[in-house]
Amino acid sequence: MNIGLAITGSFCTYKQILEEIKKLVEHGHNVIPIVSSAVLTFDTRFGEAKDFISNLKEITNNDVVSSIVEAEPMGPKNMIDVLAIAPCTGNTLSKLANGISDDAVTMSAKAHMRNYKPLVISISTNDGLGLNLQNIAKLINEKGVYFVPFRQDDPIKKPKSLIADLSKLEETIENAKLNMQIQPLLL
């Protein structure tokens, strides 16, 4: 399967997402990495952007899509079977729910969804049970959108925070290809 794997700025999940990408590749999937501008440029306490991009290229053996111009042809050229946004920040979630395509990730989603193919969202947001709850509701009800099962991240210290179980990414992708949402959705 050709999988577009779009990554947004939830930097604390990067180590785990690299492990999940390795598994996808080991299981025979062609993974095309797509990154937001934050991923491309921000150095954080979790690592430097250039190192993360280098790891993506090495693991997937594909160039990293990092601009609107590179992302737009993915739809017309029918390049991928499933697009997964993992992690998907609240910012990106909001853009998707409101039809905004202003970076490589949101443009690849728009271009991909034109082909009526599955979009998988792996939430990682500190505001999932706050203002972004309405965006989650919009997307859960959107045909062709599937969520990696998620839970509250830290109910005591961050009561509005949601995080997907990335270990269920591949299963969610495989089910989305069959137009099925894996259950339970809420962990």
C-alpha atoms as a PDB file:
ATOM      1  CA  MET A   1       0.000   0.000   0.000  1.00  0.00           C
ATOM      2  CA  ASN A   2       1.208   3.545  -0.740  1.00  0.00           C
ATOM      3  CA  ILE A   3       0.755   5.531   2.456  1.00  0.00           C
ATOM      4  CA  GLY A   4       1.179   9.272   2.759  1.00  0.00           C
ATOM      5  CA  LEU A   5       2.356   9.887   6.313  1.00  0.00           C
ATOM      6  CA  ALA A   6       1.907  13.543   7.236  1.00  0.00           C
ATOM      7  CA  ILE A   7       3.582  14.805  10.390  1.00  0.00           C
ATOM      8  CA  THR A   8       2.729  17.989  12.277  1.00  0.00           C
ATOM      9  CA  GLY A   9       4.337  19.764  15.229  1.00  0.00           C
ATOM     10  CA  SER A  10       3.576  17.520  18.185  1.00  0.00           C
ATOM     11  CA  PHE A  11       7.274  17.102  18.847  1.00  0.00           C
ATOM     12  CA  CYS A  12       6.907  14.882  21.918  1.00  0.00           C
ATOM     13  CA  THR A  13       5.532  12.069  19.707  1.00  0.00           C
ATOM     14  CA  TYR A  14       8.385  12.027  17.168  1.00  0.00           C
ATOM     15  CA  LYS A  15      10.346   9.128  18.623  1.00  0.00           C
ATOM     16  CA  GLN A  16       7.235   6.942  18.614  1.00  0.00           C
ATOM     17  CA  ILE A  17       6.085   7.997  15.134  1.00  0.00           C
ATOM     18  CA  LEU A  18       9.496   7.081  13.696  1.00  0.00           C
ATOM     19  CA  GLU A  19       9.104   3.615  15.240  1.00  0.00           C
ATOM     20  CA  GLU A  20       5.629   3.226  13.711  1.00  0.00           C
ATOM     21  CA  ILE A  21       6.925   4.339  10.294  1.00  0.00           C
ATOM     22  CA  LYS A  22       9.681   1.707  10.545  1.00  0.00           C
ATOM     23  CA  LYS A  23       7.004  -0.940  11.188  1.00  0.00           C
ATOM     24  CA  LEU A  24       4.958   0.213   8.185  1.00  0.00           C
ATOM     25  CA  VAL A  25       8.015  -0.027   5.937  1.00  0.00           C
ATOM     26  CA  GLU A  26       9.010  -3.416   7.400  1.00  0.00           C
ATOM     27  CA  HIS A  27       5.486  -4.669   6.615  1.00  0.00           C
ATOM     28  CA  GLY A  28       5.963  -3.788   2.959  1.00  0.00           C
ATOM     29  CA  HIS A  29       4.241  -0.413   2.727  1.00  0.00           C
ATOM     30  CA  ASN A  30       5.675   2.442   0.685  1.00  0.00           C
ATOM     31  CA  VAL A  31       5.580   5.430   3.026  1.00  0.00           C
ATOM     32  CA  ILE A  32       5.780   8.934   1.581  1.00  0.00           C
ATOM     33  CA  PRO A  33       6.629  11.399   4.363  1.00  0.00           C
ATOM     34  CA  ILE A  34       4.929  14.800   4.361  1.00  0.00           C
ATOM     35  CA  VAL A  35       5.786  17.488   6.912  1.00  0.00           C
ATOM     36  CA  SER A  36       4.383  20.800   8.086  1.00  0.00           C
ATOM     37  CA  SER A  37       6.578  23.892   8.118  1.00  0.00           C
ATOM     38  CA  ALA A  38       6.963  23.538  11.907  1.00  0.00           C
ATOM     39  CA  VAL A  39       8.414  20.051  11.489  1.00  0.00           C
ATOM     40  CA  LEU A  40      10.747  21.292   8.772  1.00  0.00           C
ATOM     41  CA  THR A  41      12.122  24.240  10.713  1.00  0.00           C
ATOM     42  CA  PHE A  42      11.698  23.981  14.504  1.00  0.00           C
ATOM     43  CA  ASP A  43      14.491  22.673  16.714  1.00  0.00           C
ATOM     44  CA  THR A  44      13.099  21.622  20.096  1.00  0.00           C
ATOM     45  CA  ARG A  45      14.155  19.825  23.251  1.00  0.00           C
ATOM     46  CA  PHE A  46      13.089  16.647  21.427  1.00  0.00           C
ATOM     47  CA  GLY A  47      15.639  17.121  18.641  1.00  0.00           C
ATOM     48  CA  GLU A  48      16.713  19.137  15.654  1.00  0.00           C
ATOM     49  CA  ALA A  49      14.535  19.449  12.565  1.00  0.00           C
ATOM     50  CA  LYS A  50      17.323  18.490  10.139  1.00  0.00           C
ATOM     51  CA  ASP A  51      17.966  15.239  12.037  1.00  0.00           C
ATOM     52  CA  PHE A  52      14.279  14.321  12.054  1.00  0.00           C
ATOM     53  CA  ILE A  53      13.970  14.987   8.292  1.00  0.00           C
ATOM     54  CA  SER A  54      17.105  12.944   7.668  1.00  0.00           C
ATOM     55  CA  ASN A  55      15.652  10.042   9.697  1.00  0.00           C
ATOM     56  CA  LEU A  56      12.419  10.184   7.690  1.00  0.00           C
ATOM     57  CA  LYS A  57      14.310   9.984   4.398  1.00  0.00           C
ATOM     58  CA  GLU A  58      16.478   7.126   5.639  1.00  0.00           C
ATOM     59  CA  ILE A  59      13.601   5.058   7.055  1.00  0.00           C
ATOM     60  CA  THR A  60      11.214   5.528   4.103  1.00  0.00           C
ATOM     61  CA  ASN A  61      13.753   5.763   1.284  1.00  0.00           C
ATOM     62  CA  ASN A  62      11.598   8.603  -0.077  1.00  0.00           C
ATOM     63  CA  ASP A  63      12.052  12.353  -0.302  1.00  0.00           C
ATOM     64  CA  VAL A  64      10.131  14.388   2.239  1.00  0.00           C
ATOM     65  CA  VAL A  65       7.235  16.440   0.857  1.00  0.00           C
ATOM     66  CA  SER A  66       7.447  19.823   2.572  1.00  0.00           C
ATOM     67  CA  SER A  67       5.691  22.413   0.397  1.00  0.00           C
ATOM     68  CA  ILE A  68       2.263  23.085  -1.056  1.00  0.00           C
ATOM     69  CA  VAL A  69       3.732  22.800  -4.555  1.00  0.00           C
ATOM     70  CA  GLU A  70       5.100  19.312  -3.795  1.00  0.00           C
ATOM     71  CA  ALA A  71       1.893  18.182  -2.050  1.00  0.00           C
ATOM     72  CA  GLU A  72      -0.739  19.350  -4.550  1.00  0.00           C
ATOM     73  CA  PRO A  73       0.006  16.745  -7.291  1.00  0.00           C
ATOM     74  CA  MET A  74      -0.626  13.880  -4.851  1.00  0.00           C
ATOM     75  CA  GLY A  75      -4.362  14.047  -5.606  1.00  0.00           C
ATOM     76  CA  PRO A  76      -4.364  14.469  -9.389  1.00  0.00           C
ATOM     77  CA  LYS A  77      -1.589  11.882  -9.787  1.00  0.00           C
ATOM     78  CA  ASN A  78      -3.413   9.508  -7.408  1.00  0.00           C
ATOM     79  CA  MET A  79      -0.128   8.805  -5.621  1.00  0.00           C
ATOM     80  CA  ILE A  80      -1.343   7.313  -2.332  1.00  0.00           C
ATOM     81  CA  ASP A  81      -3.957   4.848  -1.121  1.00  0.00           C
ATOM     82  CA  VAL A  82      -4.335   6.261   2.393  1.00  0.00           C
ATOM     83  CA  LEU A  83      -3.168   9.500   3.966  1.00  0.00           C
ATOM     84  CA  ALA A  84      -2.436   9.424   7.698  1.00  0.00           C
ATOM     85  CA  ILE A  85      -1.730  12.569   9.689  1.00  0.00           C
ATOM     86  CA  ALA A  86       0.237  11.346  12.681  1.00  0.00           C
ATOM     87  CA  PRO A  87       0.574  13.246  14.874  1.00  0.00           C
ATOM     88  CA  CYS A  88      -2.212  15.689  14.073  1.00  0.00           C
ATOM     89  CA  THR A  89      -2.051  18.810  16.226  1.00  0.00           C
ATOM     90  CA  GLY A  90      -5.070  20.866  17.218  1.00  0.00           C
ATOM     91  CA  ASN A  91      -3.937  23.536  14.771  1.00  0.00           C
ATOM     92  CA  THR A  92      -3.968  21.106  11.843  1.00  0.00           C
ATOM     93  CA  LEU A  93      -7.211  19.539  13.061  1.00  0.00           C
ATOM     94  CA  SER A  94      -8.820  22.981  13.012  1.00  0.00           C
ATOM     95  CA  LYS A  95      -7.562  23.694   9.503  1.00  0.00           C
ATOM     96  CA  LEU A  96      -8.890  20.357   8.201  1.00  0.00           C
ATOM     97  CA  ALA A  97     -12.309  20.858   9.799  1.00  0.00           C
ATOM     98  CA  ASN A  98     -12.591  24.321   8.282  1.00  0.00           C
ATOM     99  CA  GLY A  99     -11.247  23.651   4.785  1.00  0.00           C
ATOM    100  CA  ILE A 100      -7.941  25.514   5.147  1.00  0.00           C
ATOM    101  CA  SER A 101      -5.023  24.233   3.085  1.00  0.00           C
ATOM    102  CA  ASP A 102      -2.022  26.429   3.772  1.00  0.00           C
ATOM    103  CA  ASP A 103       0.870  23.972   4.118  1.00  0.00           C
ATOM    104  CA  ALA A 104       2.078  20.637   2.736  1.00  0.00           C
ATOM    105  CA  VAL A 105       0.052  18.594   5.237  1.00  0.00           C
ATOM    106  CA  THR A 106      -3.311  20.285   4.725  1.00  0.00           C
ATOM    107  CA  MET A 107      -2.798  20.537   0.960  1.00  0.00           C
ATOM    108  CA  SER A 108      -1.970  16.833   0.726  1.00  0.00           C
ATOM    109  CA  ALA A 109      -5.164  16.079   2.704  1.00  0.00           C
ATOM    110  CA  LYS A 110      -7.282  18.252   0.417  1.00  0.00           C
ATOM    111  CA  ALA A 111      -5.680  16.799  -2.726  1.00  0.00           C
ATOM    112  CA  HIS A 112      -6.030  13.235  -1.427  1.00  0.00           C
ATOM    113  CA  MET A 113      -9.654  13.590  -0.328  1.00  0.00           C
ATOM    114  CA  ARG A 114     -10.630  14.755  -3.808  1.00  0.00           C
ATOM    115  CA  ASN A 115     -10.111  11.128  -4.809  1.00  0.00           C
ATOM    116  CA  TYR A 116     -12.526   9.895  -2.105  1.00  0.00           C
ATOM    117  CA  LYS A 117      -9.744   7.960  -0.423  1.00  0.00           C
ATOM    118  CA  PRO A 118      -9.335   7.505   3.334  1.00  0.00           C
ATOM    119  CA  LEU A 119      -7.809  10.097   5.632  1.00  0.00           C
ATOM    120  CA  VAL A 120      -6.562   8.805   9.001  1.00  0.00           C
ATOM    121  CA  ILE A 121      -6.092  11.229  11.889  1.00  0.00           C
ATOM    122  CA  SER A 122      -3.914  10.506  14.912  1.00  0.00           C
ATOM    123  CA  ILE A 123      -4.771  13.240  17.418  1.00  0.00           C
ATOM    124  CA  SER A 124      -2.155  14.870  19.613  1.00  0.00           C
ATOM    125  CA  THR A 125      -3.533  18.096  21.048  1.00  0.00           C
ATOM    126  CA  ASN A 126      -3.661  19.872  24.383  1.00  0.00           C
ATOM    127  CA  ASP A 127      -7.074  21.306  23.447  1.00  0.00           C
ATOM    128  CA  GLY A 128      -9.028  18.260  22.240  1.00  0.00           C
ATOM    129  CA  LEU A 129     -11.650  18.616  24.959  1.00  0.00           C
ATOM    130  CA  GLY A 130     -11.668  22.407  24.626  1.00  0.00           C
ATOM    131  CA  LEU A 131     -12.235  24.532  21.546  1.00  0.00           C
ATOM    132  CA  ASN A 132     -11.011  21.755  19.244  1.00  0.00           C
ATOM    133  CA  LEU A 133     -13.756  19.368  20.349  1.00  0.00           C
ATOM    134  CA  GLN A 134     -16.079  20.891  17.731  1.00  0.00           C
ATOM    135  CA  ASN A 135     -13.466  20.192  15.035  1.00  0.00           C
ATOM    136  CA  ILE A 136     -13.103  16.580  16.136  1.00  0.00           C
ATOM    137  CA  ALA A 137     -16.904  16.227  15.934  1.00  0.00           C
ATOM    138  CA  LYS A 138     -16.957  17.688  12.416  1.00  0.00           C
ATOM    139  CA  LEU A 139     -14.268  15.324  11.220  1.00  0.00           C
ATOM    140  CA  ILE A 140     -15.649  12.216  12.927  1.00  0.00           C
ATOM    141  CA  ASN A 141     -18.855  12.804  10.958  1.00  0.00           C
ATOM    142  CA  GLU A 142     -17.017  13.362   7.660  1.00  0.00           C
ATOM    143  CA  LYS A 143     -17.204  10.451   5.222  1.00  0.00           C
ATOM    144  CA  GLY A 144     -13.780   8.956   4.564  1.00  0.00           C
ATOM    145  CA  VAL A 145     -12.154  10.279   7.747  1.00  0.00           C
ATOM    146  CA  TYR A 146     -10.975   7.743  10.329  1.00  0.00           C
ATOM    147  CA  PHE A 147      -9.373   8.264  13.730  1.00  0.00           C
ATOM    148  CA  VAL A 148      -6.647   6.318  15.464  1.00  0.00           C
ATOM    149  CA  PRO A 149      -8.210   5.426  18.841  1.00  0.00           C
ATOM    150  CA  PHE A 150      -7.472   8.097  21.422  1.00  0.00           C
ATOM    151  CA  ARG A 151      -7.712   8.939  25.113  1.00  0.00           C
ATOM    152  CA  GLN A 152      -7.068  11.753  27.545  1.00  0.00           C
ATOM    153  CA  ASP A 153      -3.337  12.352  27.742  1.00  0.00           C
ATOM    154  CA  ASP A 154      -3.054  13.407  31.399  1.00  0.00           C
ATOM    155  CA  PRO A 155      -6.506  13.986  32.927  1.00  0.00           C
ATOM    156  CA  ILE A 156      -5.128  15.636  36.077  1.00  0.00           C
ATOM    157  CA  LYS A 157      -2.438  17.997  34.757  1.00  0.00           C
ATOM    158  CA  LYS A 158      -3.853  18.497  31.233  1.00  0.00           C
ATOM    159  CA  PRO A 159      -7.607  17.768  31.444  1.00  0.00           C
ATOM    160  CA  LYS A 160      -8.351  18.937  27.865  1.00  0.00           C
ATOM    161  CA  SER A 161      -5.460  17.074  26.243  1.00  0.00           C
ATOM    162  CA  LEU A 162      -6.030  14.107  23.884  1.00  0.00           C
ATOM    163  CA  ILE A 163      -3.511  11.667  22.450  1.00  0.00           C
ATOM    164  CA  ALA A 164      -3.940   8.806  19.986  1.00  0.00           C
ATOM    165  CA  ASP A 165      -2.534   5.348  20.623  1.00  0.00           C
ATOM    166  CA  LEU A 166       0.107   5.299  17.879  1.00  0.00           C
ATOM    167  CA  SER A 167       0.547   1.538  18.283  1.00  0.00           C
ATOM    168  CA  LYS A 168      -2.849   1.274  16.550  1.00  0.00           C
ATOM    169  CA  LEU A 169      -1.785   3.363  13.525  1.00  0.00           C
ATOM    170  CA  GLU A 170      -1.230   0.501  11.098  1.00  0.00           C
ATOM    171  CA  GLU A 171      -4.446  -1.275  12.125  1.00  0.00           C
ATOM    172  CA  THR A 172      -6.372   1.979  11.672  1.00  0.00           C
ATOM    173  CA  ILE A 173      -4.831   2.511   8.216  1.00  0.00           C
ATOM    174  CA  GLU A 174      -5.651  -1.031   7.114  1.00  0.00           C
ATOM    175  CA  ASN A 175      -9.255  -0.708   8.322  1.00  0.00           C
ATOM    176  CA  ALA A 176      -9.630   2.741   6.749  1.00  0.00           C
ATOM    177  CA  LYS A 177      -8.619   1.212   3.408  1.00  0.00           C
ATOM    178  CA  LEU A 178     -11.683  -1.026   3.895  1.00  0.00           C
ATOM    179  CA  ASN A 179     -13.825   2.020   4.863  1.00  0.00           C
ATOM    180  CA  MET A 180     -14.081   0.899   8.485  1.00  0.00           C
ATOM    181  CA  GLN A 181     -13.356   2.758  11.724  1.00  0.00           C
ATOM    182  CA  ILE A 182     -11.620   0.516  14.247  1.00  0.00           C
ATOM    183  CA  GLN A 183     -13.282   0.299  17.640  1.00  0.00           C
ATOM    184  CA  PRO A 184     -13.270   1.268  20.365  1.00  0.00           C
ATOM    185  CA  LEU A 185     -12.517   4.789  19.225  1.00  0.00           C
ATOM    186  CA  LEU A 186     -12.200   6.162  22.763  1.00  0.00           C
ATOM    187  CA  LEU A 187      -9.768   4.327  24.976  1.00  0.00           C
END
